């Protein structure tokens, strides 16, 4: 039978991810804010939520990689 691991032994997704990915995981709220800014800039036009989210991810990933 497998031994149960304690909370301190269990790695979170952020802990197990490479350095750049950790920054991306930690900034999910930044992505949401940027996606919302893109939505507002478009004049609150519905139907582009996925496009806005992906654009926000690209922009923030570029900032992280610099």
Protein backbone atom coordinates (compact mmCIF):
# COMPACT_ATOMS: atom_id res chain seq x y z
CA UNK A 1 0.00 0.00 0.00
CA UNK A 2 1.31 3.47 -0.93
CA UNK A 3 2.25 5.84 1.85
CA UNK A 4 0.10 9.00 2.01
CA UNK A 5 2.10 12.15 1.40
CA UNK A 6 1.89 15.15 3.64
CA UNK A 7 0.98 18.55 2.28
CA UNK A 8 4.63 19.64 2.43
CA UNK A 9 5.65 16.66 0.26
CA UNK A 10 3.15 17.37 -2.50
CA UNK A 11 4.48 19.70 -5.18
CA UNK A 12 2.05 22.22 -6.53
CA UNK A 13 1.78 22.85 -10.26
CA UNK A 14 3.67 26.12 -9.83
CA UNK A 15 6.49 24.38 -7.93
CA UNK A 16 6.87 21.67 -10.55
CA UNK A 17 6.76 24.03 -13.54
CA UNK A 18 9.83 25.52 -15.20
CA UNK A 19 10.81 29.03 -14.10
CA UNK A 20 9.10 30.90 -16.96
CA UNK A 21 5.94 28.84 -16.61
CA UNK A 22 5.86 29.58 -12.87
CA UNK A 23 5.71 33.28 -13.64
CA UNK A 24 2.91 32.66 -16.14
CA UNK A 25 0.94 30.58 -13.64
CA UNK A 26 1.33 33.22 -10.96
CA UNK A 27 -0.05 35.91 -13.26
CA UNK A 28 -3.44 34.46 -14.20
CA UNK A 29 -5.14 37.52 -12.78
CA UNK A 30 -2.83 39.72 -14.89
CA UNK A 31 -3.98 37.85 -17.98
CA UNK A 32 -7.61 38.36 -17.01
CA UNK A 33 -7.07 42.07 -16.43
CA UNK A 34 -5.28 42.52 -19.77
CA UNK A 35 -7.98 40.52 -21.59
CA UNK A 36 -10.60 42.79 -20.03
CA UNK A 37 -8.64 45.86 -21.15
CA UNK A 38 -8.64 44.50 -24.70
CA UNK A 39 -12.41 43.96 -24.46
CA UNK A 40 -12.91 47.55 -23.30
CA UNK A 41 -10.61 48.89 -26.04
CA UNK A 42 -12.76 47.06 -28.61
CA UNK A 43 -15.79 48.97 -27.35
CA UNK A 44 -17.17 46.10 -25.22
CA UNK A 45 -17.96 44.05 -28.30
CA UNK A 46 -18.92 40.52 -27.26
CA UNK A 47 -17.70 37.34 -28.90
CA UNK A 48 -13.95 37.86 -28.70
CA UNK A 49 -13.25 36.54 -25.21
CA UNK A 50 -10.96 33.70 -26.28
CA UNK A 51 -9.14 35.94 -28.74
CA UNK A 52 -8.63 38.57 -26.03
CA UNK A 53 -7.40 35.98 -23.53
CA UNK A 54 -4.90 34.51 -25.98
CA UNK A 55 -3.68 37.98 -26.98
CA UNK A 56 -3.19 38.87 -23.31
CA UNK A 57 -1.22 35.64 -22.75
CA UNK A 58 1.02 36.41 -25.74
CA UNK A 59 1.68 39.94 -24.54
CA UNK A 60 2.48 38.89 -20.98
CA UNK A 61 4.60 35.95 -22.11
CA UNK A 62 6.65 38.37 -24.23
CA UNK A 63 7.12 40.55 -21.14
CA UNK A 64 8.28 37.53 -19.08
CA UNK A 65 10.73 36.35 -21.73
CA UNK A 66 12.48 39.73 -21.86
